[in-house]
Amino acid sequence: MISRRSLLAGTTALGGAVLLPGIAFAKGSLTATTYPGTWEDAYRTVVMPALKKKDDIDLELAPLFAMDQVGKAKAARGAPPFDVFVLDPGPRIVALEGGLFEKFDGKKLTNLAKIPPSLVDDAGVCVGAQVVGIAYNPKKLPAPKGWKDLLVDPWVSRLGLTGFQTTFGTSSLIELAKQFGGSLTDVEPALVELKKVLPKVAAVGLPAAMPGLFQQGQCDVMYTNTQTVATLKGKDIPIEFVKPESGAIAFFTTMHIAKGTGESANAYKYLDLVVSKEIQEALTKPPYNFLPINKDAALPPDLPMKSLDEMTSYVQHDWAKINPLRAAWIEKFNKEMAK
């Protein structure tokens, strides 16, 4: 299959104006990144056909983790390899500092009034929210009350431990560090305490492995997001979400138009569709279990809040301060916590 990017690269190399007989072009096209896994499945199944039907735009999805998107865009030197980014808070700041986004005009979204004002700025628009806390198997363990409980029995011997590679992992370990005198930029107290109990910990693994380990019964408590809890619950796995007594964590996933794109108009149509009530509600359904940001979209059941407004009181982190430290945290965790 010839992708739009490959085709454009080929015609440019041949001098530009090359007509290829037998190839029919759609009214519009767009290349957008998506996260591998649930995001890719959801966007291929729900968003891609909806965009084709509504605006006759062929959507090409590029499954890439956030920092891989940033790295590829920086390496492209002004010729973006895709038209739209999807990013979590930390990588968003790195991309902003790198000047990788086109200035965003929220007024071009017909659904702008349905999005909380704090979720749109001149860099992009929020397309999904995450709530992070503690998940446990109620058939195996009592409900933990907070982060400190994870380091004592009966929870520590059933703990699934993961590091700083993800937003939810970094956020959780920061909150754990705070319980022992640490702070947003000082996670050493968490690592010290974890090292003390490491021999008791049930499993240590990559973030992507944790849901599988939980499903297999190799661990029965972990820090994670509500989307993972809902997905496992949909598979009839006994699991419940706990909002820690110090507060659940909230963060937002945003989309941004790549600087230098030639598909800005189609990008706005795509983003407008993504934040619409119909798409946001469709993405909340199993097996995707997204948390919507459109105020008219119904929240899924079993969430620790009744409205999006409650998320303003949840713990949020300043990723501009976290980013410079995170690579060293990842390295230290991997070195000291590997079993």
C-alpha atoms as a PDB file:
ATOM      1  CA  MET A   1       0.000   0.000   0.000  1.00  0.00           C
ATOM      2  CA  ILE A   2       1.362   3.458  -0.915  1.00  0.00           C
ATOM      3  CA  SER A   3       1.076   5.917   1.954  1.00  0.00           C
ATOM      4  CA  ARG A   4       0.495   9.597   1.344  1.00  0.00           C
ATOM      5  CA  ARG A   5       3.871  10.453   2.846  1.00  0.00           C
ATOM      6  CA  SER A   6       5.676   7.922   0.636  1.00  0.00           C
ATOM      7  CA  LEU A   7       3.859   9.168  -2.441  1.00  0.00           C
ATOM      8  CA  LEU A   8       4.636  12.815  -1.727  1.00  0.00           C
ATOM      9  CA  ALA A   9       8.285  11.973  -1.078  1.00  0.00           C
ATOM     10  CA  GLY A  10       8.476  10.116  -4.388  1.00  0.00           C
ATOM     11  CA  THR A  11       6.926  12.883  -6.451  1.00  0.00           C
ATOM     12  CA  THR A  12       9.154  15.484  -4.842  1.00  0.00           C
ATOM     13  CA  ALA A  13      12.241  13.469  -5.680  1.00  0.00           C
ATOM     14  CA  LEU A  14      11.131  13.384  -9.314  1.00  0.00           C
ATOM     15  CA  GLY A  15      10.653  17.113  -9.504  1.00  0.00           C
ATOM     16  CA  GLY A  16       7.128  17.555  -8.216  1.00  0.00           C
ATOM     17  CA  ALA A  17       4.519  17.573 -10.978  1.00  0.00           C
ATOM     18  CA  VAL A  18       4.163  13.875 -11.645  1.00  0.00           C
ATOM     19  CA  LEU A  19       0.782  12.394 -12.530  1.00  0.00           C
ATOM     20  CA  LEU A  20       0.344   8.739 -11.697  1.00  0.00           C
ATOM     21  CA  PRO A  21      -2.333   7.064 -13.851  1.00  0.00           C
ATOM     22  CA  GLY A  22      -4.733   4.769 -12.133  1.00  0.00           C
ATOM     23  CA  ILE A  23      -4.436   6.342  -8.668  1.00  0.00           C
ATOM     24  CA  ALA A  24      -7.585   8.067  -7.406  1.00  0.00           C
ATOM     25  CA  PHE A  25      -7.126  10.757  -4.782  1.00  0.00           C
ATOM     26  CA  ALA A  26      -9.672  11.452  -2.078  1.00  0.00           C
ATOM     27  CA  LYS A  27     -11.062  14.905  -1.470  1.00  0.00           C
ATOM     28  CA  GLY A  28      -8.665  15.260   1.455  1.00  0.00           C
ATOM     29  CA  SER A  29      -6.014  13.406   3.380  1.00  0.00           C
ATOM     30  CA  LEU A  30      -4.342  13.671   6.747  1.00  0.00           C
ATOM     31  CA  THR A  31      -1.595  11.869   8.644  1.00  0.00           C
ATOM     32  CA  ALA A  32      -2.030  11.831  12.419  1.00  0.00           C
ATOM     33  CA  THR A  33      -0.103  10.077  15.137  1.00  0.00           C
ATOM     34  CA  THR A  34      -1.762   7.779  17.618  1.00  0.00           C
ATOM     35  CA  TYR A  35      -0.512   5.741  20.530  1.00  0.00           C
ATOM     36  CA  PRO A  36       0.003   2.025  19.813  1.00  0.00           C
ATOM     37  CA  GLY A  37      -2.536  -0.321  21.367  1.00  0.00           C
ATOM     38  CA  THR A  38      -5.955   0.833  22.543  1.00  0.00           C
ATOM     39  CA  TRP A  39      -5.633   4.315  21.005  1.00  0.00           C
ATOM     40  CA  GLU A  40      -4.765   2.928  17.593  1.00  0.00           C
ATOM     41  CA  ASP A  41      -7.566   0.363  17.714  1.00  0.00           C
ATOM     42  CA  ALA A  42     -10.106   2.983  18.776  1.00  0.00           C
ATOM     43  CA  TYR A  43      -9.116   5.562  16.186  1.00  0.00           C
ATOM     44  CA  ARG A  44      -9.030   3.033  13.348  1.00  0.00           C
ATOM     45  CA  THR A  45     -12.437   1.655  14.309  1.00  0.00           C
ATOM     46  CA  VAL A  46     -14.288   4.798  15.382  1.00  0.00           C
ATOM     47  CA  VAL A  47     -12.585   7.964  14.118  1.00  0.00           C
ATOM     48  CA  MET A  48     -11.213   6.931  10.739  1.00  0.00           C
ATOM     49  CA  PRO A  49     -14.543   5.899   9.157  1.00  0.00           C
ATOM     50  CA  ALA A  50     -16.352   8.854  10.777  1.00  0.00           C
ATOM     51  CA  LEU A  51     -13.896  11.348   9.275  1.00  0.00           C
ATOM     52  CA  LYS A  52     -14.221   9.742   5.859  1.00  0.00           C
ATOM     53  CA  LYS A  53     -18.015   9.868   6.040  1.00  0.00           C
ATOM     54  CA  LYS A  54     -18.269  13.428   7.368  1.00  0.00           C
ATOM     55  CA  ASP A  55     -15.517  15.241   5.451  1.00  0.00           C
ATOM     56  CA  ASP A  56     -14.296  12.727   2.840  1.00  0.00           C
ATOM     57  CA  ILE A  57     -10.824  12.818   4.403  1.00  0.00           C
ATOM     58  CA  ASP A  58      -8.585   9.762   4.229  1.00  0.00           C
ATOM     59  CA  LEU A  59      -6.932   9.434   7.624  1.00  0.00           C
ATOM     60  CA  GLU A  60      -3.549   7.744   7.826  1.00  0.00           C
ATOM     61  CA  LEU A  61      -2.575   6.825  11.392  1.00  0.00           C
ATOM     62  CA  ALA A  62       1.043   6.617  12.507  1.00  0.00           C
ATOM     63  CA  PRO A  63       1.285   4.632  15.766  1.00  0.00           C
ATOM     64  CA  LEU A  64       4.090   6.186  17.803  1.00  0.00           C
ATOM     65  CA  PHE A  65       4.767   6.764  21.486  1.00  0.00           C
ATOM     66  CA  ALA A  66       4.942  10.418  22.480  1.00  0.00           C
ATOM     67  CA  MET A  67       8.698  10.993  22.618  1.00  0.00           C
ATOM     68  CA  ASP A  68       9.133   9.074  19.359  1.00  0.00           C
ATOM     69  CA  GLN A  69       6.771  11.579  17.732  1.00  0.00           C
ATOM     70  CA  VAL A  70       8.822  14.470  19.060  1.00  0.00           C
ATOM     71  CA  GLY A  71      12.080  12.875  17.957  1.00  0.00           C
ATOM     72  CA  LYS A  72      10.869  12.218  14.418  1.00  0.00           C
ATOM     73  CA  ALA A  73       9.469  15.736  14.057  1.00  0.00           C
ATOM     74  CA  LYS A  74      12.730  17.305  15.251  1.00  0.00           C
ATOM     75  CA  ALA A  75      14.754  15.125  12.877  1.00  0.00           C
ATOM     76  CA  ALA A  76      12.536  16.153   9.939  1.00  0.00           C
ATOM     77  CA  ARG A  77      13.861  19.739  10.160  1.00  0.00           C
ATOM     78  CA  GLY A  78      10.739  21.621   9.120  1.00  0.00           C
ATOM     79  CA  ALA A  79       9.225  18.954   6.855  1.00  0.00           C
ATOM     80  CA  PRO A  80       6.869  17.288   9.337  1.00  0.00           C
ATOM     81  CA  PRO A  81       6.404  13.512   8.881  1.00  0.00           C
ATOM     82  CA  PHE A  82       2.796  13.856  10.067  1.00  0.00           C
ATOM     83  CA  ASP A  83       0.168  16.589  10.368  1.00  0.00           C
ATOM     84  CA  VAL A  84      -1.159  16.091  13.901  1.00  0.00           C
ATOM     85  CA  PHE A  85       0.536  15.064  17.175  1.00  0.00           C
ATOM     86  CA  VAL A  86      -1.085  13.339  20.156  1.00  0.00           C
ATOM     87  CA  LEU A  87       0.903  13.940  23.355  1.00  0.00           C
ATOM     88  CA  ASP A  88       0.837  13.656  27.136  1.00  0.00           C
ATOM     89  CA  PRO A  89       1.930  16.631  29.294  1.00  0.00           C
ATOM     90  CA  GLY A  90       5.674  15.944  29.473  1.00  0.00           C
ATOM     91  CA  PRO A  91       6.327  15.393  25.757  1.00  0.00           C
ATOM     92  CA  ARG A  92       3.951  18.276  24.933  1.00  0.00           C
ATOM     93  CA  ILE A  93       6.284  20.678  26.730  1.00  0.00           C
ATOM     94  CA  VAL A  94       9.351  19.279  24.940  1.00  0.00           C
ATOM     95  CA  ALA A  95       7.601  19.763  21.587  1.00  0.00           C
ATOM     96  CA  LEU A  96       6.480  23.271  22.546  1.00  0.00           C
ATOM     97  CA  GLU A  97      10.029  24.227  23.473  1.00  0.00           C
ATOM     98  CA  GLY A  98      11.170  22.817  20.134  1.00  0.00           C
ATOM     99  CA  GLY A  99       8.707  24.978  18.197  1.00  0.00           C
ATOM    100  CA  LEU A 100       7.041  21.960  16.579  1.00  0.00           C
ATOM    101  CA  PHE A 101       3.423  23.218  16.647  1.00  0.00           C
ATOM    102  CA  GLU A 102       1.443  25.551  14.422  1.00  0.00           C
ATOM    103  CA  LYS A 103      -0.340  28.233  16.446  1.00  0.00           C
ATOM    104  CA  PHE A 104      -3.765  26.836  17.261  1.00  0.00           C
ATOM    105  CA  ASP A 105      -7.004  28.754  16.732  1.00  0.00           C
ATOM    106  CA  GLY A 106      -9.733  27.200  18.863  1.00  0.00           C
ATOM    107  CA  LYS A 107     -12.365  29.363  17.179  1.00  0.00           C
ATOM    108  CA  LYS A 108     -12.074  27.115  14.139  1.00  0.00           C
ATOM    109  CA  LEU A 109     -13.678  24.286  16.135  1.00  0.00           C
ATOM    110  CA  THR A 110     -17.461  24.180  15.913  1.00  0.00           C
ATOM    111  CA  ASN A 111     -17.409  22.201  19.195  1.00  0.00           C
ATOM    112  CA  LEU A 112     -15.328  24.773  21.077  1.00  0.00           C
ATOM    113  CA  ALA A 113     -18.175  25.751  23.439  1.00  0.00           C
ATOM    114  CA  LYS A 114     -18.513  22.118  24.553  1.00  0.00           C
ATOM    115  CA  ILE A 115     -14.916  21.920  25.821  1.00  0.00           C
ATOM    116  CA  PRO A 116     -13.874  23.393  29.190  1.00  0.00           C
ATOM    117  CA  PRO A 117     -11.941  26.623  28.416  1.00  0.00           C
ATOM    118  CA  SER A 118      -8.864  25.395  30.304  1.00  0.00           C
ATOM    119  CA  LEU A 119      -8.525  22.505  27.847  1.00  0.00           C
ATOM    120  CA  VAL A 120      -7.854  24.658  24.757  1.00  0.00           C
ATOM    121  CA  ASP A 121      -4.925  27.025  24.219  1.00  0.00           C
ATOM    122  CA  ASP A 122      -2.862  28.431  21.376  1.00  0.00           C
ATOM    123  CA  ALA A 123      -0.845  25.207  21.169  1.00  0.00           C
ATOM    124  CA  GLY A 124      -3.673  22.692  20.785  1.00  0.00           C
ATOM    125  CA  VAL A 125      -6.725  21.037  22.258  1.00  0.00           C
ATOM    126  CA  CYS A 126      -7.260  18.378  24.897  1.00  0.00           C
ATOM    127  CA  VAL A 127      -8.844  15.231  23.458  1.00  0.00           C
ATOM    128  CA  GLY A 128      -8.875  12.953  26.484  1.00  0.00           C
ATOM    129  CA  ALA A 129      -8.366  12.910  30.236  1.00  0.00           C
ATOM    130  CA  GLN A 130      -6.769  10.393  32.555  1.00  0.00           C
ATOM    131  CA  VAL A 131      -7.295   9.801  36.250  1.00  0.00           C
ATOM    132  CA  VAL A 132      -4.535   7.913  38.035  1.00  0.00           C
ATOM    133  CA  GLY A 133      -4.710   6.089  41.341  1.00  0.00           C
ATOM    134  CA  ILE A 134      -4.462   2.590  42.762  1.00  0.00           C
ATOM    135  CA  ALA A 135      -6.085  -0.554  41.387  1.00  0.00           C
ATOM    136  CA  TYR A 136      -6.485  -3.750  43.397  1.00  0.00           C
ATOM    137  CA  ASN A 137      -8.125  -7.173  43.252  1.00  0.00           C
ATOM    138  CA  PRO A 138     -10.985  -7.081  45.807  1.00  0.00           C
ATOM    139  CA  LYS A 139     -11.060 -10.895  45.963  1.00  0.00           C
ATOM    140  CA  LYS A 140      -7.457 -11.012  47.116  1.00  0.00           C
ATOM    141  CA  LEU A 141      -6.888  -7.800  49.085  1.00  0.00           C
ATOM    142  CA  PRO A 142      -8.667  -5.142  51.143  1.00  0.00           C
ATOM    143  CA  ALA A 143      -8.820  -1.684  49.625  1.00  0.00           C
ATOM    144  CA  PRO A 144      -5.667   0.365  50.227  1.00  0.00           C
ATOM    145  CA  LYS A 145      -6.240   3.895  51.494  1.00  0.00           C
ATOM    146  CA  GLY A 146      -3.219   5.609  50.019  1.00  0.00           C
ATOM    147  CA  TRP A 147       0.231   5.423  48.479  1.00  0.00           C
ATOM    148  CA  LYS A 148       2.013   4.382  51.692  1.00  0.00           C
ATOM    149  CA  ASP A 149      -0.122   1.246  51.932  1.00  0.00           C
ATOM    150  CA  LEU A 150       1.586  -0.110  48.817  1.00  0.00           C
ATOM    151  CA  LEU A 151       4.800  -0.606  50.790  1.00  0.00           C
ATOM    152  CA  VAL A 152       3.339  -2.630  53.655  1.00  0.00           C
ATOM    153  CA  ASP A 153       1.574  -5.983  53.871  1.00  0.00           C
ATOM    154  CA  PRO A 154      -0.764  -7.297  52.696  1.00  0.00           C
ATOM    155  CA  TRP A 155      -0.285  -5.059  49.634  1.00  0.00           C
ATOM    156  CA  VAL A 156       3.493  -4.948  49.135  1.00  0.00           C
ATOM    157  CA  SER A 157       3.787  -8.702  48.602  1.00  0.00           C
ATOM    158  CA  ARG A 158       1.198  -8.431  45.804  1.00  0.00           C
ATOM    159  CA  LEU A 159       2.492  -5.168  44.286  1.00  0.00           C
ATOM    160  CA  GLY A 160       3.159  -4.742  40.576  1.00  0.00           C
ATOM    161  CA  LEU A 161       5.931  -2.162  40.358  1.00  0.00           C
ATOM    162  CA  THR A 162       6.806  -0.104  37.307  1.00  0.00           C
ATOM    163  CA  GLY A 163       8.980   2.934  36.668  1.00  0.00           C
ATOM    164  CA  PHE A 164       9.056   6.413  35.166  1.00  0.00           C
ATOM    165  CA  GLN A 165       8.588   5.543  31.479  1.00  0.00           C
ATOM    166  CA  THR A 166       4.937   6.625  31.464  1.00  0.00           C
ATOM    167  CA  THR A 167       3.035   9.663  32.657  1.00  0.00           C
ATOM    168  CA  PHE A 168       0.987   7.592  35.101  1.00  0.00           C
ATOM    169  CA  GLY A 169       4.081   5.840  36.476  1.00  0.00           C
ATOM    170  CA  THR A 170       6.028   9.065  36.955  1.00  0.00           C
ATOM    171  CA  SER A 171       3.034  10.782  38.556  1.00  0.00           C
ATOM    172  CA  SER A 172       2.417   7.901  40.950  1.00  0.00           C
ATOM    173  CA  LEU A 173       6.032   7.657  42.089  1.00  0.00           C
ATOM    174  CA  ILE A 174       6.142  11.415  42.679  1.00  0.00           C
ATOM    175  CA  GLU A 175       3.078  11.126  44.914  1.00  0.00           C
ATOM    176  CA  LEU A 176       4.634   8.153  46.722  1.00  0.00           C
ATOM    177  CA  ALA A 177       7.817  10.183  47.281  1.00  0.00           C
ATOM    178  CA  LYS A 178       5.771  13.017  48.806  1.00  0.00           C
ATOM    179  CA  GLN A 179       4.528  10.645  51.510  1.00  0.00           C
ATOM    180  CA  PHE A 180       8.118  10.216  52.696  1.00  0.00           C
ATOM    181  CA  GLY A 181       9.271  13.824  52.498  1.00  0.00           C
ATOM    182  CA  GLY A 182       9.954  14.044  48.772  1.00  0.00           C
ATOM    183  CA  SER A 183       8.566  16.539  46.293  1.00  0.00           C
ATOM    184  CA  LEU A 184       7.753  17.154  42.649  1.00  0.00           C
ATOM    185  CA  THR A 185      11.458  17.210  41.828  1.00  0.00           C
ATOM    186  CA  ASP A 186      12.779  14.866  44.526  1.00  0.00           C
ATOM    187  CA  VAL A 187      11.745  11.233  44.102  1.00  0.00           C
ATOM    188  CA  GLU A 188      14.693   9.799  46.023  1.00  0.00           C
ATOM    189  CA  PRO A 189      12.595   9.092  49.157  1.00  0.00           C
ATOM    190  CA  ALA A 190      10.318   6.822  47.088  1.00  0.00           C
ATOM    191  CA  LEU A 191      13.286   4.929  45.643  1.00  0.00           C
ATOM    192  CA  VAL A 192      14.832   4.510  49.092  1.00  0.00           C
ATOM    193  CA  GLU A 193      11.610   3.060  50.511  1.00  0.00           C
ATOM    194  CA  LEU A 194      11.006   0.847  47.482  1.00  0.00           C
ATOM    195  CA  LYS A 195      14.500  -0.579  47.717  1.00  0.00           C
ATOM    196  CA  LYS A 196      13.823  -1.595  51.336  1.00  0.00           C
ATOM    197  CA  VAL A 197      10.788  -3.658  50.350  1.00  0.00           C
ATOM    198  CA  LEU A 198      11.951  -4.813  46.912  1.00  0.00           C
ATOM    199  CA  PRO A 199      12.511  -8.455  47.985  1.00  0.00           C
ATOM    200  CA  LYS A 200       8.820  -8.636  48.953  1.00  0.00           C
ATOM    201  CA  VAL A 201       7.419  -7.037  45.767  1.00  0.00           C
ATOM    202  CA  ALA A 202       5.425  -9.474  43.635  1.00  0.00           C
ATOM    203  CA  ALA A 203       6.456  -8.206  40.192  1.00  0.00           C
ATOM    204  CA  VAL A 204       8.608  -5.523  38.564  1.00  0.00           C
ATOM    205  CA  GLY A 205       8.062  -4.856  34.884  1.00  0.00           C
ATOM    206  CA  LEU A 206       7.509  -2.428  32.051  1.00  0.00           C
ATOM    207  CA  PRO A 207       4.325  -0.336  32.219  1.00  0.00           C
ATOM    208  CA  ALA A 208       2.771  -2.120  29.246  1.00  0.00           C
ATOM    209  CA  ALA A 209       3.225  -5.470  30.984  1.00  0.00           C
ATOM    210  CA  MET A 210       1.369  -4.573  34.177  1.00  0.00           C
ATOM    211  CA  PRO A 211      -2.222  -5.183  33.007  1.00  0.00           C
ATOM    212  CA  GLY A 212      -1.218  -8.641  31.766  1.00  0.00           C
ATOM    213  CA  LEU A 213       0.561  -9.473  35.013  1.00  0.00           C
ATOM    214  CA  PHE A 214      -2.511  -8.359  36.955  1.00  0.00           C
ATOM    215  CA  GLN A 215      -4.791 -10.404  34.717  1.00  0.00           C
ATOM    216  CA  GLN A 216      -2.591 -13.480  35.211  1.00  0.00           C
ATOM    217  CA  GLY A 217      -2.609 -13.041  38.993  1.00  0.00           C
ATOM    218  CA  GLN A 218       1.122 -12.337  39.241  1.00  0.00           C
ATOM    219  CA  CYS A 219       0.244  -9.125  41.072  1.00  0.00           C
ATOM    220  CA  ASP A 220      -2.960  -7.909  42.711  1.00  0.00           C
ATOM    221  CA  VAL A 221      -2.327  -4.210  43.290  1.00  0.00           C
ATOM    222  CA  MET A 222      -0.742  -1.540  41.090  1.00  0.00           C
ATOM    223  CA  TYR A 223      -0.832   2.158  40.299  1.00  0.00           C
ATOM    224  CA  THR A 224      -2.568   2.813  37.008  1.00  0.00           C
ATOM    225  CA  ASN A 225      -5.278   4.836  35.259  1.00  0.00           C
ATOM    226  CA  THR A 226      -9.036   4.418  35.111  1.00  0.00           C
ATOM    227  CA  GLN A 227      -8.888   3.358  31.455  1.00  0.00           C
ATOM    228  CA  THR A 228      -6.806   0.282  32.316  1.00  0.00           C
ATOM    229  CA  VAL A 229      -9.151  -0.571  35.193  1.00  0.00           C
ATOM    230  CA  ALA A 230     -12.211  -0.326  32.948  1.00  0.00           C
ATOM    231  CA  THR A 231     -10.540  -2.430  30.246  1.00  0.00           C
ATOM    232  CA  LEU A 232      -9.654  -5.213  32.688  1.00  0.00           C
ATOM    233  CA  LYS A 233     -13.098  -5.049  34.290  1.00  0.00           C
ATOM    234  CA  GLY A 234     -14.569  -5.490  30.811  1.00  0.00           C
ATOM    235  CA  LYS A 235     -12.697  -8.791  30.629  1.00  0.00           C
ATOM    236  CA  ASP A 236     -14.352  -9.886  33.887  1.00  0.00           C
ATOM    237  CA  ILE A 237     -11.118  -9.483  35.838  1.00  0.00           C
ATOM    238  CA  PRO A 238     -11.852  -8.632  39.494  1.00  0.00           C
ATOM    239  CA  ILE A 239     -10.429  -5.115  39.857  1.00  0.00           C
ATOM    240  CA  GLU A 240     -11.443  -1.875  41.549  1.00  0.00           C
ATOM    241  CA  PHE A 241     -10.050   1.666  41.459  1.00  0.00           C
ATOM    242  CA  VAL A 242      -9.105   3.562  44.608  1.00  0.00           C
ATOM    243  CA  LYS A 243      -8.687   7.322  44.808  1.00  0.00           C
ATOM    244  CA  PRO A 244      -5.748   7.734  47.244  1.00  0.00           C
ATOM    245  CA  GLU A 245      -6.548   9.703  50.378  1.00  0.00           C
ATOM    246  CA  SER A 246      -4.008  12.351  49.299  1.00  0.00           C
ATOM    247  CA  GLY A 247      -5.921  12.750  46.032  1.00  0.00           C
ATOM    248  CA  ALA A 248      -6.188  11.112  42.633  1.00  0.00           C
ATOM    249  CA  ILE A 249      -3.916  12.372  39.857  1.00  0.00           C
ATOM    250  CA  ALA A 250      -5.288  13.991  36.712  1.00  0.00           C
ATOM    251  CA  PHE A 251      -3.569  14.663  33.424  1.00  0.00           C
ATOM    252  CA  PHE A 252      -4.719  15.463  29.921  1.00  0.00           C
ATOM    253  CA  THR A 253      -3.782  14.188  26.483  1.00  0.00           C
ATOM    254  CA  THR A 254      -3.672  16.865  23.791  1.00  0.00           C
ATOM    255  CA  MET A 255      -3.498  17.089  20.011  1.00  0.00           C
ATOM    256  CA  HIS A 256      -1.476  19.644  18.065  1.00  0.00           C
ATOM    257  CA  ILE A 257      -1.111  20.676  14.427  1.00  0.00           C
ATOM    258  CA  ALA A 258       2.432  20.198  13.173  1.00  0.00           C
ATOM    259  CA  LYS A 259       4.305  23.321  12.132  1.00  0.00           C
ATOM    260  CA  GLY A 260       4.868  23.298   8.390  1.00  0.00           C
ATOM    261  CA  THR A 261       1.981  21.003   7.545  1.00  0.00           C
ATOM    262  CA  GLY A 262       0.197  21.551   4.258  1.00  0.00           C
ATOM    263  CA  GLU A 263      -2.990  20.021   5.675  1.00  0.00           C
ATOM    264  CA  SER A 264      -3.963  22.583   8.284  1.00  0.00           C
ATOM    265  CA  ALA A 265      -7.591  22.834   7.125  1.00  0.00           C
ATOM    266  CA  ASN A 266      -8.064  19.078   7.259  1.00  0.00           C
ATOM    267  CA  ALA A 267      -6.333  18.967  10.634  1.00  0.00           C
ATOM    268  CA  TYR A 268      -8.925  21.326  12.112  1.00  0.00           C
ATOM    269  CA  LYS A 269     -11.736  19.173  10.691  1.00  0.00           C
ATOM    270  CA  TYR A 270     -10.128  16.108  12.258  1.00  0.00           C
ATOM    271  CA  LEU A 271      -9.714  17.731  15.679  1.00  0.00           C
ATOM    272  CA  ASP A 272     -13.245  19.114  15.595  1.00  0.00           C
ATOM    273  CA  LEU A 273     -14.555  15.614  14.968  1.00  0.00           C
ATOM    274  CA  VAL A 274     -12.394  14.049  17.683  1.00  0.00           C
ATOM    275  CA  VAL A 275     -13.773  16.392  20.372  1.00  0.00           C
ATOM    276  CA  SER A 276     -17.391  16.097  19.218  1.00  0.00           C
ATOM    277  CA  LYS A 277     -19.977  14.582  21.552  1.00  0.00           C
ATOM    278  CA  GLU A 278     -20.616  11.651  19.214  1.00  0.00           C
ATOM    279  CA  ILE A 279     -16.968  10.589  18.931  1.00  0.00           C
ATOM    280  CA  GLN A 280     -16.137  11.284  22.561  1.00  0.00           C
ATOM    281  CA  GLU A 281     -19.071   9.131  23.705  1.00  0.00           C
ATOM    282  CA  ALA A 282     -18.195   6.365  21.251  1.00  0.00           C
ATOM    283  CA  LEU A 283     -14.654   6.237  22.631  1.00  0.00           C
ATOM    284  CA  THR A 284     -15.923   5.814  26.197  1.00  0.00           C
ATOM    285  CA  LYS A 285     -17.535   2.504  25.287  1.00  0.00           C
ATOM    286  CA  PRO A 286     -15.774  -0.845  25.836  1.00  0.00           C
ATOM    287  CA  PRO A 287     -13.229  -1.975  24.828  1.00  0.00           C
ATOM    288  CA  TYR A 288     -11.740   1.540  24.580  1.00  0.00           C
ATOM    289  CA  ASN A 289     -12.913   3.153  27.841  1.00  0.00           C
ATOM    290  CA  PHE A 290     -11.658   6.690  27.213  1.00  0.00           C
ATOM    291  CA  LEU A 291     -12.553   9.502  29.585  1.00  0.00           C
ATOM    292  CA  PRO A 292     -14.317  12.262  27.577  1.00  0.00           C
ATOM    293  CA  ILE A 293     -13.612  16.006  27.628  1.00  0.00           C
ATOM    294  CA  ASN A 294     -16.765  17.163  25.794  1.00  0.00           C
ATOM    295  CA  LYS A 295     -19.163  18.515  28.439  1.00  0.00           C
ATOM    296  CA  ASP A 296     -22.183  16.962  26.686  1.00  0.00           C
ATOM    297  CA  ALA A 297     -20.676  13.462  26.627  1.00  0.00           C
ATOM    298  CA  ALA A 298     -21.810  11.161  29.409  1.00  0.00           C
ATOM    299  CA  LEU A 299     -19.090   9.998  31.782  1.00  0.00           C
ATOM    300  CA  PRO A 300     -18.549   6.235  31.975  1.00  0.00           C
ATOM    301  CA  PRO A 301     -19.694   4.445  35.145  1.00  0.00           C
ATOM    302  CA  ASP A 302     -17.296   3.536  37.978  1.00  0.00           C
ATOM    303  CA  LEU A 303     -15.267   6.746  37.742  1.00  0.00           C
ATOM    304  CA  PRO A 304     -14.192   8.542  40.934  1.00  0.00           C
ATOM    305  CA  MET A 305     -16.060  11.684  39.850  1.00  0.00           C
ATOM    306  CA  LYS A 306     -19.462  12.725  38.581  1.00  0.00           C
ATOM    307  CA  SER A 307     -18.337  15.579  36.328  1.00  0.00           C
ATOM    308  CA  LEU A 308     -15.210  16.859  34.577  1.00  0.00           C
ATOM    309  CA  ASP A 309     -15.219  19.897  36.872  1.00  0.00           C
ATOM    310  CA  GLU A 310     -14.165  17.694  39.797  1.00  0.00           C
ATOM    311  CA  MET A 311     -10.868  17.000  38.065  1.00  0.00           C
ATOM    312  CA  THR A 312      -9.743  20.564  38.780  1.00  0.00           C
ATOM    313  CA  SER A 313      -9.309  19.530  42.433  1.00  0.00           C
ATOM    314  CA  TYR A 314      -7.167  16.495  41.572  1.00  0.00           C
ATOM    315  CA  VAL A 315      -3.395  16.433  41.814  1.00  0.00           C
ATOM    316  CA  GLN A 316      -1.674  17.813  38.704  1.00  0.00           C
ATOM    317  CA  HIS A 317       2.043  18.145  38.052  1.00  0.00           C
ATOM    318  CA  ASP A 318       4.312  20.770  36.497  1.00  0.00           C
ATOM    319  CA  TRP A 319       5.992  18.820  33.724  1.00  0.00           C
ATOM    320  CA  ALA A 320       8.319  21.675  32.827  1.00  0.00           C
ATOM    321  CA  LYS A 321      10.062  20.916  36.129  1.00  0.00           C
ATOM    322  CA  ILE A 322       9.830  17.128  35.780  1.00  0.00           C
ATOM    323  CA  ASN A 323      11.159  16.800  32.217  1.00  0.00           C
ATOM    324  CA  PRO A 324      14.817  17.747  32.871  1.00  0.00           C
ATOM    325  CA  LEU A 325      15.016  15.130  35.640  1.00  0.00           C
ATOM    326  CA  ARG A 326      13.028  12.277  34.179  1.00  0.00           C
ATOM    327  CA  ALA A 327      15.736  10.535  32.120  1.00  0.00           C
ATOM    328  CA  ALA A 328      17.936  10.211  35.225  1.00  0.00           C
ATOM    329  CA  TRP A 329      14.975   8.866  37.211  1.00  0.00           C
ATOM    330  CA  ILE A 330      14.300   6.227  34.574  1.00  0.00           C
ATOM    331  CA  GLU A 331      17.934   5.153  34.547  1.00  0.00           C
ATOM    332  CA  LYS A 332      18.151   4.983  38.335  1.00  0.00           C
ATOM    333  CA  PHE A 333      14.907   3.026  38.682  1.00  0.00           C
ATOM    334  CA  ASN A 334      15.953   0.520  36.016  1.00  0.00           C
ATOM    335  CA  LYS A 335      19.323   0.044  37.657  1.00  0.00           C
ATOM    336  CA  GLU A 336      18.137  -0.288  41.245  1.00  0.00           C
ATOM    337  CA  MET A 337      14.744  -1.970  40.934  1.00  0.00           C
ATOM    338  CA  ALA A 338      15.364  -4.691  38.359  1.00  0.00           C
ATOM    339  CA  LYS A 339      14.724  -8.111  39.902  1.00  0.00           C
END
